């Protein structure tokens, strides 16, 4: 992919956006980890950081859109480039919503499943690393297409792992002696965590489609 001045400016912005999203996801893990370990005060502070990071990522996404309106990339490529950025932004949105749900609803996480929640949160938030690598590898054109595709496949592997953890945790919750309303609330919390990897998989899948179109 040949990059001219306007395209290079867009790539720089996308890299900043990806860095901000990665920081947002990392901070969301710290937020949920603090919450699950009973440090509510720190979790609240970290959740505010997640909100700020997501908002900052949104601003950078808008700057990317403005550059594309200004003529960066061929017309047929602009939509794909913007949708890639937008799909990455959706991962940050999911992380923000997840943290907000925990801090607003204050679910009571029993010791029975606390470690399971920590594990699924850690695995789910780890998805940002291969997703970011796949996106930047493709857009910057600094590595073979197969390398970018492998990073995208790694996203899918993490999503599959999260699905398995989701299944096991859900079974554990509903097999317990907890009140049914409590079980439902815990399941909703699990779904918030799982949504993050679902959004990441969507972004990786879309990247593969864009890469395929570029090869035709």
N, C-alpha and C. Protein backbone atom coordinates (compact mmCIF):
# COMPACT_ATOMS: atom_id res chain seq x y z
N UNK A 1 0.84 -1.19 0.00
CA UNK A 1 0.00 0.00 0.00
C UNK A 1 0.89 1.25 0.00
N UNK A 2 0.80 2.08 -1.05
CA UNK A 2 1.60 3.29 -1.14
C UNK A 2 0.96 4.38 -0.29
N UNK A 3 1.76 5.00 0.58
CA UNK A 3 1.24 6.02 1.48
C UNK A 3 1.78 7.40 1.10
N UNK A 4 0.88 8.36 0.90
CA UNK A 4 1.25 9.73 0.64
C UNK A 4 1.09 10.55 1.91
N UNK A 5 1.32 11.86 1.83
CA UNK A 5 1.33 12.70 3.04
C UNK A 5 0.03 12.59 3.83
N UNK A 6 -1.11 12.74 3.16
CA UNK A 6 -2.39 12.70 3.87
C UNK A 6 -2.64 11.33 4.49
N UNK A 7 -2.25 10.29 3.76
CA UNK A 7 -2.44 8.94 4.28
C UNK A 7 -1.56 8.71 5.50
N UNK A 8 -0.32 9.24 5.45
CA UNK A 8 0.58 9.08 6.60
C UNK A 8 0.03 9.80 7.83
N UNK A 9 -0.60 10.94 7.61
CA UNK A 9 -1.22 11.67 8.73
C UNK A 9 -2.34 10.84 9.35
N UNK A 10 -3.12 10.19 8.49
CA UNK A 10 -4.21 9.34 8.98
C UNK A 10 -3.65 8.15 9.76
N UNK A 11 -2.58 7.53 9.25
CA UNK A 11 -1.97 6.39 9.93
C UNK A 11 -1.47 6.80 11.31
N UNK A 12 -0.86 7.98 11.40
CA UNK A 12 -0.37 8.47 12.70
C UNK A 12 -1.52 8.64 13.68
N UNK A 13 -2.64 9.16 13.19
CA UNK A 13 -3.82 9.33 14.05
C UNK A 13 -4.39 7.97 14.46
N UNK A 14 -4.43 7.04 13.52
CA UNK A 14 -4.97 5.71 13.83
C UNK A 14 -4.08 5.02 14.87
N UNK A 15 -2.77 5.22 14.76
CA UNK A 15 -1.87 4.63 15.75
C UNK A 15 -2.11 5.24 17.13
N UNK A 16 -2.33 6.55 17.18
CA UNK A 16 -2.66 7.21 18.45
C UNK A 16 -3.98 6.67 19.01
N UNK A 17 -4.94 6.49 18.11
CA UNK A 17 -6.24 5.96 18.52
C UNK A 17 -6.08 4.55 19.08
N UNK A 18 -5.31 3.71 18.40
CA UNK A 18 -5.10 2.34 18.86
C UNK A 18 -4.41 2.31 20.21
N UNK A 19 -3.44 3.20 20.40
CA UNK A 19 -2.75 3.30 21.70
C UNK A 19 -3.73 3.68 22.81
N UNK A 20 -4.61 4.62 22.49
CA UNK A 20 -5.58 5.09 23.48
C UNK A 20 -6.59 3.99 23.81
N UNK A 21 -7.02 3.25 22.80
CA UNK A 21 -7.94 2.14 23.04
C UNK A 21 -7.26 1.06 23.88
N UNK A 22 -6.01 0.77 23.57
CA UNK A 22 -5.27 -0.23 24.35
C UNK A 22 -5.16 0.20 25.81
N UNK A 23 -4.87 1.47 26.04
CA UNK A 23 -4.79 1.99 27.41
C UNK A 23 -6.15 1.91 28.10
N UNK A 24 -7.19 2.16 27.35
CA UNK A 24 -8.56 2.07 27.88
C UNK A 24 -8.87 0.65 28.32
N UNK A 25 -8.51 -0.33 27.49
CA UNK A 25 -8.78 -1.73 27.81
C UNK A 25 -7.96 -2.17 29.01
N UNK A 26 -6.69 -1.77 29.03
CA UNK A 26 -5.81 -2.12 30.16
C UNK A 26 -6.34 -1.54 31.47
N UNK A 27 -6.81 -0.30 31.42
CA UNK A 27 -7.35 0.34 32.61
C UNK A 27 -8.67 -0.29 33.03
N UNK A 28 -9.43 -0.76 32.06
CA UNK A 28 -10.70 -1.44 32.40
C UNK A 28 -10.42 -2.74 33.14
N UNK A 29 -9.35 -3.44 32.76
CA UNK A 29 -8.97 -4.65 33.51
C UNK A 29 -8.61 -4.30 34.95
N UNK A 30 -7.82 -3.24 35.11
CA UNK A 30 -7.44 -2.80 36.46
C UNK A 30 -8.67 -2.39 37.27
N UNK A 31 -9.63 -1.76 36.59
CA UNK A 31 -10.87 -1.35 37.26
C UNK A 31 -11.63 -2.55 37.80
N UNK A 32 -11.86 -3.52 36.93
CA UNK A 32 -12.63 -4.70 37.33
C UNK A 32 -11.87 -5.54 38.35
N UNK A 33 -10.55 -5.60 38.20
CA UNK A 33 -9.73 -6.33 39.16
C UNK A 33 -9.84 -5.70 40.55
N UNK A 34 -9.79 -4.37 40.60
CA UNK A 34 -9.93 -3.66 41.88
C UNK A 34 -11.31 -3.92 42.47
N UNK A 35 -12.33 -3.86 41.62
CA UNK A 35 -13.70 -4.09 42.11
C UNK A 35 -13.84 -5.50 42.68
N UNK A 36 -13.36 -6.48 41.93
CA UNK A 36 -13.50 -7.88 42.35
C UNK A 36 -12.71 -8.19 43.61
N UNK A 37 -11.67 -7.40 43.86
CA UNK A 37 -10.87 -7.58 45.07
C UNK A 37 -11.35 -6.69 46.22
N UNK A 38 -12.49 -6.03 46.01
CA UNK A 38 -13.11 -5.25 47.08
C UNK A 38 -12.60 -3.84 47.26
N UNK A 39 -11.73 -3.38 46.36
CA UNK A 39 -11.20 -2.01 46.47
C UNK A 39 -12.08 -1.07 45.64
N UNK A 40 -13.25 -0.76 46.17
CA UNK A 40 -14.24 0.01 45.42
C UNK A 40 -13.77 1.44 45.14
N UNK A 41 -13.10 2.06 46.11
CA UNK A 41 -12.64 3.44 45.94
C UNK A 41 -11.68 3.54 44.75
N UNK A 42 -10.74 2.61 44.66
CA UNK A 42 -9.79 2.61 43.54
C UNK A 42 -10.49 2.26 42.24
N UNK A 43 -11.45 1.35 42.31
CA UNK A 43 -12.21 0.96 41.12
C UNK A 43 -12.96 2.16 40.55
N UNK A 44 -13.54 2.97 41.42
CA UNK A 44 -14.27 4.17 40.97
C UNK A 44 -13.32 5.15 40.27
N UNK A 45 -12.15 5.33 40.86
CA UNK A 45 -11.16 6.24 40.27
C UNK A 45 -10.71 5.73 38.90
N UNK A 46 -10.45 4.44 38.82
CA UNK A 46 -10.01 3.85 37.56
C UNK A 46 -11.11 3.87 36.51
N UNK A 47 -12.36 3.69 36.94
CA UNK A 47 -13.49 3.73 36.00
C UNK A 47 -13.61 5.10 35.36
N UNK A 48 -13.34 6.14 36.14
CA UNK A 48 -13.36 7.51 35.57
C UNK A 48 -12.25 7.66 34.53
N UNK A 49 -11.11 7.03 34.78
CA UNK A 49 -10.02 7.06 33.79
C UNK A 49 -10.44 6.36 32.51
N UNK A 50 -11.14 5.24 32.66
CA UNK A 50 -11.64 4.51 31.48
C UNK A 50 -12.56 5.41 30.67
N UNK A 51 -13.47 6.11 31.35
CA UNK A 51 -14.39 7.03 30.66
C UNK A 51 -13.61 8.10 29.90
N UNK A 52 -12.59 8.67 30.54
CA UNK A 52 -11.79 9.73 29.91
C UNK A 52 -11.01 9.20 28.71
N UNK A 53 -10.45 8.01 28.85
CA UNK A 53 -9.68 7.41 27.76
C UNK A 53 -10.57 7.10 26.57
N UNK A 54 -11.77 6.59 26.84
CA UNK A 54 -12.71 6.29 25.76
C UNK A 54 -13.13 7.58 25.04
N UNK A 55 -13.35 8.64 25.81
CA UNK A 55 -13.72 9.93 25.21
C UNK A 55 -12.58 10.47 24.35
N UNK A 56 -11.36 10.31 24.83
CA UNK A 56 -10.19 10.77 24.06
C UNK A 56 -10.06 9.97 22.77
N UNK A 57 -10.31 8.67 22.85
CA UNK A 57 -10.27 7.82 21.65
C UNK A 57 -11.32 8.28 20.65
N UNK A 58 -12.49 8.66 21.14
CA UNK A 58 -13.55 9.17 20.27
C UNK A 58 -13.11 10.43 19.53
N UNK A 59 -12.44 11.33 20.24
CA UNK A 59 -11.96 12.57 19.62
C UNK A 59 -10.97 12.28 18.50
N UNK A 60 -10.07 11.33 18.74
CA UNK A 60 -9.10 10.97 17.71
C UNK A 60 -9.80 10.33 16.51
N UNK A 61 -10.81 9.50 16.79
CA UNK A 61 -11.59 8.89 15.70
C UNK A 61 -12.23 9.97 14.84
N UNK A 62 -12.74 11.02 15.45
CA UNK A 62 -13.33 12.13 14.70
C UNK A 62 -12.28 12.84 13.85
N UNK A 63 -11.06 12.93 14.37
CA UNK A 63 -9.98 13.55 13.60
C UNK A 63 -9.64 12.71 12.37
N UNK A 64 -9.66 11.40 12.55
CA UNK A 64 -9.43 10.50 11.41
C UNK A 64 -10.51 10.72 10.35
N UNK A 65 -11.75 10.81 10.79
CA UNK A 65 -12.87 11.04 9.86
C UNK A 65 -12.68 12.35 9.10
N UNK A 66 -12.25 13.40 9.81
CA UNK A 66 -12.04 14.70 9.17
C UNK A 66 -10.94 14.62 8.11
N UNK A 67 -9.87 13.89 8.41
CA UNK A 67 -8.78 13.74 7.44
C UNK A 67 -9.26 12.97 6.20
N UNK A 68 -10.11 11.99 6.43
CA UNK A 68 -10.64 11.22 5.30
C UNK A 68 -11.54 12.10 4.44
N UNK A 69 -12.34 12.94 5.08
CA UNK A 69 -13.15 13.90 4.34
C UNK A 69 -12.26 14.87 3.56
N UNK A 70 -11.06 15.10 4.09
CA UNK A 70 -10.13 16.02 3.44
C UNK A 70 -9.41 15.44 2.25
N UNK A 71 -9.67 14.16 1.93
CA UNK A 71 -9.12 13.59 0.71
C UNK A 71 -8.09 12.50 0.89
N UNK A 72 -7.84 12.09 2.13
CA UNK A 72 -6.87 11.00 2.33
C UNK A 72 -7.45 9.69 1.80
N UNK A 73 -6.62 8.91 1.15
CA UNK A 73 -6.98 7.61 0.56
C UNK A 73 -7.91 7.77 -0.65
N UNK A 74 -7.91 6.74 -1.46
CA UNK A 74 -8.81 6.69 -2.60
C UNK A 74 -10.25 6.59 -2.08
N UNK A 75 -11.21 7.17 -2.79
CA UNK A 75 -12.61 7.16 -2.32
C UNK A 75 -13.12 5.78 -1.91
N UNK A 76 -12.76 4.74 -2.68
CA UNK A 76 -13.26 3.40 -2.37
C UNK A 76 -12.66 2.83 -1.09
N UNK A 77 -11.52 3.37 -0.65
CA UNK A 77 -10.86 2.86 0.55
C UNK A 77 -11.29 3.59 1.82
N UNK A 78 -11.82 4.81 1.67
CA UNK A 78 -12.10 5.63 2.85
C UNK A 78 -13.07 4.98 3.81
N UNK A 79 -14.13 4.41 3.27
CA UNK A 79 -15.14 3.78 4.13
C UNK A 79 -14.52 2.63 4.92
N UNK A 80 -13.71 1.81 4.25
CA UNK A 80 -13.08 0.67 4.93
C UNK A 80 -12.14 1.13 6.04
N UNK A 81 -11.35 2.15 5.75
CA UNK A 81 -10.41 2.66 6.75
C UNK A 81 -11.17 3.19 7.96
N UNK A 82 -12.22 3.96 7.71
CA UNK A 82 -12.98 4.53 8.83
C UNK A 82 -13.70 3.44 9.62
N UNK A 83 -14.26 2.45 8.92
CA UNK A 83 -14.96 1.37 9.62
C UNK A 83 -14.01 0.54 10.48
N UNK A 84 -12.76 0.41 10.03
CA UNK A 84 -11.77 -0.30 10.84
C UNK A 84 -11.52 0.45 12.15
N UNK A 85 -11.37 1.76 12.04
CA UNK A 85 -11.16 2.59 13.23
C UNK A 85 -12.40 2.54 14.12
N UNK A 86 -13.56 2.62 13.50
CA UNK A 86 -14.82 2.59 14.25
C UNK A 86 -14.99 1.25 14.98
N UNK A 87 -14.61 0.16 14.32
CA UNK A 87 -14.75 -1.16 14.96
C UNK A 87 -13.81 -1.30 16.15
N UNK A 88 -12.63 -0.70 16.06
CA UNK A 88 -11.71 -0.70 17.20
C UNK A 88 -12.27 0.14 18.33
N UNK A 89 -12.89 1.25 17.97
CA UNK A 89 -13.49 2.13 18.97
C UNK A 89 -14.62 1.43 19.73
N UNK A 90 -15.32 0.53 19.05
CA UNK A 90 -16.41 -0.21 19.69
C UNK A 90 -15.90 -1.11 20.82
N UNK A 91 -14.64 -1.54 20.72
CA UNK A 91 -14.05 -2.35 21.79
C UNK A 91 -13.87 -1.49 23.04
N UNK A 92 -13.40 -0.25 22.83
CA UNK A 92 -13.25 0.67 23.96
C UNK A 92 -14.62 1.00 24.56
N UNK A 93 -15.62 1.17 23.70
CA UNK A 93 -16.98 1.43 24.19
C UNK A 93 -17.48 0.29 25.08
N UNK A 94 -17.20 -0.94 24.65
CA UNK A 94 -17.63 -2.11 25.42
C UNK A 94 -16.94 -2.15 26.78
N UNK A 95 -15.66 -1.79 26.80
CA UNK A 95 -14.92 -1.77 28.07
C UNK A 95 -15.49 -0.71 29.01
N UNK A 96 -15.80 0.46 28.45
CA UNK A 96 -16.38 1.53 29.26
C UNK A 96 -17.73 1.11 29.84
N UNK A 97 -18.59 0.53 29.00
CA UNK A 97 -19.91 0.09 29.46
C UNK A 97 -19.80 -0.99 30.53
N UNK A 98 -18.83 -1.87 30.38
CA UNK A 98 -18.63 -2.94 31.35
C UNK A 98 -18.26 -2.36 32.72
N UNK A 99 -17.30 -1.45 32.73
CA UNK A 99 -16.89 -0.82 33.99
C UNK A 99 -18.03 -0.03 34.61
N UNK A 100 -18.74 0.72 33.79
CA UNK A 100 -19.87 1.50 34.29
C UNK A 100 -20.94 0.60 34.90
N UNK A 101 -21.18 -0.55 34.27
CA UNK A 101 -22.19 -1.48 34.78
C UNK A 101 -21.81 -1.99 36.17
N UNK A 102 -20.55 -2.35 36.33
CA UNK A 102 -20.12 -2.86 37.64
C UNK A 102 -20.19 -1.77 38.71
N UNK A 103 -19.74 -0.57 38.38
CA UNK A 103 -19.70 0.49 39.39
C UNK A 103 -21.06 1.09 39.67
N UNK A 104 -21.95 1.07 38.69
CA UNK A 104 -23.30 1.61 38.90
C UNK A 104 -24.21 0.60 39.60
N UNK A 105 -24.10 -0.66 39.21
CA UNK A 105 -25.00 -1.69 39.75
C UNK A 105 -24.45 -2.37 40.99
N UNK A 106 -23.14 -2.30 41.20
CA UNK A 106 -22.48 -2.90 42.37
C UNK A 106 -22.88 -4.36 42.61
N UNK A 107 -22.68 -5.23 41.63
CA UNK A 107 -23.03 -6.64 41.83
C UNK A 107 -22.21 -7.27 42.96
N UNK A 108 -22.84 -8.14 43.70
CA UNK A 108 -22.15 -8.87 44.76
C UNK A 108 -21.58 -10.15 44.15
N UNK A 109 -20.26 -10.24 44.08
CA UNK A 109 -19.60 -11.39 43.47
C UNK A 109 -19.19 -12.37 44.58
N UNK A 110 -19.85 -13.52 44.66
CA UNK A 110 -19.53 -14.49 45.71
C UNK A 110 -18.11 -15.05 45.56
N UNK A 111 -17.51 -15.46 46.66
CA UNK A 111 -16.18 -16.07 46.62
C UNK A 111 -16.16 -17.29 45.69
N UNK A 112 -17.30 -17.97 45.60
CA UNK A 112 -17.43 -19.15 44.76
C UNK A 112 -16.99 -18.91 43.33
N UNK A 113 -17.27 -17.70 42.80
CA UNK A 113 -16.99 -17.42 41.39
C UNK A 113 -16.04 -16.23 41.19
N UNK A 114 -15.50 -15.70 42.27
CA UNK A 114 -14.66 -14.50 42.16
C UNK A 114 -13.44 -14.74 41.28
N UNK A 115 -12.75 -15.86 41.49
CA UNK A 115 -11.57 -16.16 40.68
C UNK A 115 -11.95 -16.39 39.22
N UNK A 116 -13.11 -16.97 38.99
CA UNK A 116 -13.58 -17.18 37.61
C UNK A 116 -13.81 -15.84 36.91
N UNK A 117 -14.36 -14.87 37.65
CA UNK A 117 -14.57 -13.54 37.09
C UNK A 117 -13.24 -12.87 36.76
N UNK A 118 -12.27 -13.03 37.65
CA UNK A 118 -10.95 -12.45 37.41
C UNK A 118 -10.30 -13.07 36.17
N UNK A 119 -10.45 -14.38 36.03
CA UNK A 119 -9.84 -15.08 34.90
C UNK A 119 -10.46 -14.66 33.57
N UNK A 120 -11.79 -14.65 33.50
CA UNK A 120 -12.44 -14.31 32.24
C UNK A 120 -12.19 -12.84 31.88
N UNK A 121 -12.06 -11.99 32.90
CA UNK A 121 -11.74 -10.58 32.64
C UNK A 121 -10.34 -10.44 32.08
N UNK A 122 -9.39 -11.16 32.65
CA UNK A 122 -8.00 -11.10 32.18
C UNK A 122 -7.88 -11.59 30.75
N UNK A 123 -8.51 -12.71 30.45
CA UNK A 123 -8.43 -13.26 29.09
C UNK A 123 -9.15 -12.35 28.09
N UNK A 124 -10.31 -11.85 28.47
CA UNK A 124 -11.08 -11.00 27.57
C UNK A 124 -10.33 -9.73 27.21
N UNK A 125 -9.74 -9.07 28.20
CA UNK A 125 -9.04 -7.81 27.93
C UNK A 125 -7.71 -8.02 27.21
N UNK A 126 -7.18 -9.25 27.23
CA UNK A 126 -5.92 -9.52 26.53
C UNK A 126 -6.08 -9.48 25.02
N UNK A 127 -7.32 -9.44 24.55
CA UNK A 127 -7.59 -9.48 23.11
C UNK A 127 -7.11 -8.23 22.39
N UNK A 128 -6.91 -7.14 23.12
CA UNK A 128 -6.55 -5.88 22.46
C UNK A 128 -5.17 -5.95 21.82
N UNK A 129 -4.25 -6.72 22.39
CA UNK A 129 -2.89 -6.76 21.85
C UNK A 129 -2.83 -7.31 20.43
N UNK A 130 -3.35 -8.52 20.17
CA UNK A 130 -3.30 -9.02 18.78
C UNK A 130 -4.19 -8.21 17.84
N UNK A 131 -5.28 -7.64 18.34
CA UNK A 131 -6.15 -6.83 17.47
C UNK A 131 -5.42 -5.57 17.02
N UNK A 132 -4.76 -4.91 17.94
CA UNK A 132 -3.99 -3.71 17.60
C UNK A 132 -2.88 -4.04 16.62
N UNK A 133 -2.17 -5.14 16.87
CA UNK A 133 -1.08 -5.55 15.98
C UNK A 133 -1.60 -5.85 14.58
N UNK A 134 -2.74 -6.52 14.49
CA UNK A 134 -3.32 -6.86 13.19
C UNK A 134 -3.67 -5.61 12.40
N UNK A 135 -4.30 -4.65 13.08
CA UNK A 135 -4.74 -3.42 12.43
C UNK A 135 -3.57 -2.59 11.94
N UNK A 136 -2.59 -2.35 12.82
CA UNK A 136 -1.46 -1.50 12.45
C UNK A 136 -0.55 -2.19 11.44
N UNK A 137 -0.43 -3.50 11.57
CA UNK A 137 0.39 -4.26 10.62
C UNK A 137 -0.16 -4.09 9.21
N UNK A 138 -1.48 -4.15 9.08
CA UNK A 138 -2.11 -4.02 7.77
C UNK A 138 -2.03 -2.58 7.26
N UNK A 139 -2.44 -1.62 8.07
CA UNK A 139 -2.53 -0.24 7.61
C UNK A 139 -1.17 0.39 7.33
N UNK A 140 -0.17 0.04 8.13
CA UNK A 140 1.16 0.62 7.93
C UNK A 140 1.94 -0.11 6.84
N UNK A 141 1.48 -1.32 6.50
CA UNK A 141 2.13 -2.08 5.43
C UNK A 141 3.55 -2.48 5.73
N UNK A 142 3.87 -2.67 7.02
CA UNK A 142 5.25 -2.96 7.41
C UNK A 142 5.52 -4.45 7.59
N UNK A 143 4.49 -5.27 7.38
CA UNK A 143 4.69 -6.71 7.53
C UNK A 143 3.85 -7.43 6.47
N UNK A 144 4.20 -8.67 6.16
CA UNK A 144 3.44 -9.42 5.16
C UNK A 144 1.97 -9.58 5.58
N UNK A 145 1.11 -9.72 4.61
CA UNK A 145 -0.32 -9.86 4.88
C UNK A 145 -0.60 -11.04 5.80
N UNK A 146 0.16 -12.10 5.65
CA UNK A 146 -0.06 -13.30 6.47
C UNK A 146 0.19 -13.03 7.95
N UNK A 147 1.11 -12.11 8.24
CA UNK A 147 1.39 -11.76 9.64
C UNK A 147 0.18 -11.05 10.24
N UNK A 148 -0.37 -10.12 9.48
CA UNK A 148 -1.58 -9.41 9.94
C UNK A 148 -2.73 -10.39 10.13
N UNK A 149 -2.88 -11.33 9.21
CA UNK A 149 -3.97 -12.31 9.30
C UNK A 149 -3.77 -13.23 10.51
N UNK A 150 -2.51 -13.55 10.82
CA UNK A 150 -2.25 -14.41 11.98
C UNK A 150 -2.65 -13.70 13.28
N UNK A 151 -2.35 -12.40 13.35
CA UNK A 151 -2.78 -11.62 14.53
C UNK A 151 -4.31 -11.64 14.63
N UNK A 152 -4.97 -11.50 13.49
CA UNK A 152 -6.44 -11.52 13.48
C UNK A 152 -6.96 -12.88 13.94
N UNK A 153 -6.28 -13.95 13.52
CA UNK A 153 -6.68 -15.29 13.95
C UNK A 153 -6.48 -15.46 15.46
N UNK A 154 -5.44 -14.83 15.99
CA UNK A 154 -5.19 -14.89 17.43
C UNK A 154 -6.34 -14.27 18.21
N UNK A 155 -6.93 -13.22 17.64
CA UNK A 155 -8.11 -12.60 18.25
C UNK A 155 -9.23 -13.64 18.35
N UNK A 156 -9.43 -14.39 17.27
CA UNK A 156 -10.47 -15.42 17.25
C UNK A 156 -10.21 -16.51 18.27
N UNK A 157 -8.95 -16.87 18.47
CA UNK A 157 -8.61 -17.89 19.45
C UNK A 157 -8.93 -17.43 20.87
N UNK A 158 -8.65 -16.16 21.14
CA UNK A 158 -8.96 -15.60 22.46
C UNK A 158 -10.47 -15.56 22.66
N UNK A 159 -11.20 -15.17 21.60
CA UNK A 159 -12.66 -15.12 21.70
C UNK A 159 -13.23 -16.51 21.99
N UNK A 160 -12.66 -17.53 21.37
CA UNK A 160 -13.11 -18.90 21.62
C UNK A 160 -12.83 -19.32 23.06
N UNK A 161 -11.66 -18.91 23.57
CA UNK A 161 -11.31 -19.21 24.96
C UNK A 161 -12.29 -18.53 25.91
N UNK A 162 -12.64 -17.29 25.61
CA UNK A 162 -13.60 -16.56 26.44
C UNK A 162 -14.97 -17.23 26.40
N UNK A 163 -15.37 -17.69 25.23
CA UNK A 163 -16.65 -18.41 25.10
C UNK A 163 -16.67 -19.64 26.01
N UNK A 164 -15.55 -20.36 26.05
CA UNK A 164 -15.46 -21.55 26.89
C UNK A 164 -15.54 -21.18 28.37
N UNK A 165 -14.84 -20.11 28.75
CA UNK A 165 -14.89 -19.65 30.14
C UNK A 165 -16.29 -19.16 30.50
N UNK A 166 -16.93 -18.51 29.55
CA UNK A 166 -18.31 -18.03 29.74
C UNK A 166 -19.24 -19.21 30.02
N UNK A 167 -19.10 -20.25 29.22
CA UNK A 167 -19.94 -21.45 29.39
C UNK A 167 -19.74 -22.06 30.79
N UNK A 168 -18.48 -22.24 31.16
CA UNK A 168 -18.17 -22.86 32.46
C UNK A 168 -18.65 -22.00 33.63
N UNK A 169 -18.44 -20.69 33.52
CA UNK A 169 -18.84 -19.79 34.60
C UNK A 169 -20.36 -19.72 34.72
N UNK A 170 -21.03 -19.67 33.59
CA UNK A 170 -22.51 -19.63 33.60
C UNK A 170 -23.07 -20.89 34.25
N UNK A 171 -22.50 -22.03 33.89
CA UNK A 171 -22.94 -23.30 34.48
C UNK A 171 -22.71 -23.29 35.99
N UNK A 172 -21.56 -22.77 36.40
CA UNK A 172 -21.23 -22.72 37.82
C UNK A 172 -22.19 -21.81 38.58
N UNK A 173 -22.53 -20.69 37.97
CA UNK A 173 -23.46 -19.74 38.61
C UNK A 173 -24.83 -20.37 38.81
N UNK A 174 -25.36 -20.96 37.74
CA UNK A 174 -26.73 -21.47 37.80
C UNK A 174 -26.83 -22.84 38.49
N UNK A 175 -25.68 -23.45 38.79
CA UNK A 175 -25.68 -24.70 39.57
C UNK A 175 -25.53 -24.42 41.06
N UNK A 176 -25.31 -23.16 41.40
CA UNK A 176 -25.10 -22.79 42.81
C UNK A 176 -26.43 -22.64 43.55
N UNK A 177 -26.32 -22.38 44.84
CA UNK A 177 -27.50 -22.20 45.69
C UNK A 177 -27.91 -20.73 45.81
N UNK A 178 -27.34 -19.88 45.00
CA UNK A 178 -27.68 -18.46 45.05
C UNK A 178 -29.13 -18.23 44.63
N UNK A 179 -29.69 -17.11 45.08
CA UNK A 179 -31.04 -16.75 44.66
C UNK A 179 -31.06 -16.56 43.14
N UNK A 180 -32.18 -16.90 42.52
CA UNK A 180 -32.25 -16.85 41.05
C UNK A 180 -32.00 -15.43 40.53
N UNK A 181 -32.50 -14.43 41.22
CA UNK A 181 -32.28 -13.04 40.80
C UNK A 181 -30.80 -12.69 40.84
N UNK A 182 -30.10 -13.22 41.84
CA UNK A 182 -28.65 -13.00 41.95
C UNK A 182 -27.92 -13.68 40.80
N UNK A 183 -28.36 -14.88 40.46
CA UNK A 183 -27.76 -15.61 39.33
C UNK A 183 -27.91 -14.82 38.03
N UNK A 184 -29.10 -14.27 37.82
CA UNK A 184 -29.35 -13.49 36.60
C UNK A 184 -28.46 -12.25 36.54
N UNK A 185 -28.30 -11.60 37.69
CA UNK A 185 -27.46 -10.40 37.73
C UNK A 185 -26.01 -10.75 37.41
N UNK A 186 -25.53 -11.84 37.98
CA UNK A 186 -24.16 -12.28 37.70
C UNK A 186 -23.97 -12.62 36.23
N UNK A 187 -24.98 -13.26 35.63
CA UNK A 187 -24.89 -13.61 34.21
C UNK A 187 -24.82 -12.36 33.34
N UNK A 188 -25.58 -11.33 33.70
CA UNK A 188 -25.53 -10.07 32.97
C UNK A 188 -24.13 -9.47 33.05
N UNK A 189 -23.51 -9.57 34.23
CA UNK A 189 -22.15 -9.06 34.41
C UNK A 189 -21.16 -9.82 33.53
N UNK A 190 -21.33 -11.12 33.45
CA UNK A 190 -20.47 -11.94 32.59
C UNK A 190 -20.63 -11.50 31.13
N UNK A 191 -21.85 -11.25 30.72
CA UNK A 191 -22.12 -10.84 29.33
C UNK A 191 -21.44 -9.52 29.00
N UNK A 192 -21.38 -8.60 29.96
CA UNK A 192 -20.67 -7.34 29.74
C UNK A 192 -19.19 -7.60 29.44
N UNK A 193 -18.60 -8.53 30.18
CA UNK A 193 -17.18 -8.85 29.98
C UNK A 193 -16.97 -9.53 28.63
N UNK A 194 -17.84 -10.45 28.30
CA UNK A 194 -17.73 -11.21 27.05
C UNK A 194 -17.94 -10.33 25.82
N UNK A 195 -18.78 -9.31 25.96
CA UNK A 195 -19.06 -8.40 24.83
C UNK A 195 -17.79 -7.76 24.30
N UNK A 196 -16.83 -7.51 25.18
CA UNK A 196 -15.57 -6.89 24.76
C UNK A 196 -14.87 -7.74 23.71
N UNK A 197 -14.77 -9.05 23.95
CA UNK A 197 -14.12 -9.91 22.97
C UNK A 197 -14.97 -10.12 21.73
N UNK A 198 -16.28 -10.08 21.89
CA UNK A 198 -17.16 -10.18 20.71
C UNK A 198 -16.91 -9.01 19.77
N UNK A 199 -16.79 -7.81 20.33
CA UNK A 199 -16.53 -6.62 19.51
C UNK A 199 -15.15 -6.71 18.86
N UNK A 200 -14.18 -7.24 19.59
CA UNK A 200 -12.84 -7.39 19.04
C UNK A 200 -12.83 -8.39 17.88
N UNK A 201 -13.57 -9.47 18.02
CA UNK A 201 -13.65 -10.46 16.95
C UNK A 201 -14.30 -9.85 15.70
N UNK A 202 -15.32 -9.04 15.91
CA UNK A 202 -15.97 -8.37 14.77
C UNK A 202 -14.95 -7.49 14.04
N UNK A 203 -14.15 -6.75 14.80
CA UNK A 203 -13.15 -5.87 14.20
C UNK A 203 -12.12 -6.68 13.42
N UNK A 204 -11.68 -7.80 13.99
CA UNK A 204 -10.69 -8.65 13.32
C UNK A 204 -11.27 -9.28 12.05
N UNK A 205 -12.52 -9.70 12.12
CA UNK A 205 -13.18 -10.28 10.95
C UNK A 205 -13.31 -9.24 9.83
N UNK A 206 -13.66 -8.01 10.22
CA UNK A 206 -13.80 -6.95 9.21
C UNK A 206 -12.45 -6.63 8.58
N UNK A 207 -11.40 -6.65 9.39
CA UNK A 207 -10.06 -6.41 8.87
C UNK A 207 -9.69 -7.46 7.82
N UNK A 208 -10.05 -8.70 8.07
CA UNK A 208 -9.75 -9.76 7.09
C UNK A 208 -10.50 -9.54 5.79
N UNK A 209 -11.73 -9.05 5.87
CA UNK A 209 -12.51 -8.75 4.66
C UNK A 209 -11.86 -7.62 3.88
N UNK A 210 -11.43 -6.58 4.58
CA UNK A 210 -10.77 -5.44 3.93
C UNK A 210 -9.47 -5.89 3.27
N UNK A 211 -8.71 -6.72 3.97
CA UNK A 211 -7.45 -7.22 3.42
C UNK A 211 -7.70 -8.07 2.18
N UNK A 212 -8.76 -8.86 2.21
CA UNK A 212 -9.10 -9.71 1.07
C UNK A 212 -9.46 -8.85 -0.15
N UNK A 213 -10.22 -7.78 0.08
CA UNK A 213 -10.59 -6.88 -1.02
C UNK A 213 -9.35 -6.23 -1.62
N UNK A 214 -8.36 -5.93 -0.78
CA UNK A 214 -7.14 -5.28 -1.26
C UNK A 214 -6.31 -6.22 -2.13
N UNK A 215 -6.50 -7.52 -1.94
CA UNK A 215 -5.73 -8.50 -2.71
C UNK A 215 -6.33 -8.77 -4.08
N UNK A 216 -7.59 -8.41 -4.27
CA UNK A 216 -8.28 -8.69 -5.53
C UNK A 216 -7.79 -7.78 -6.65
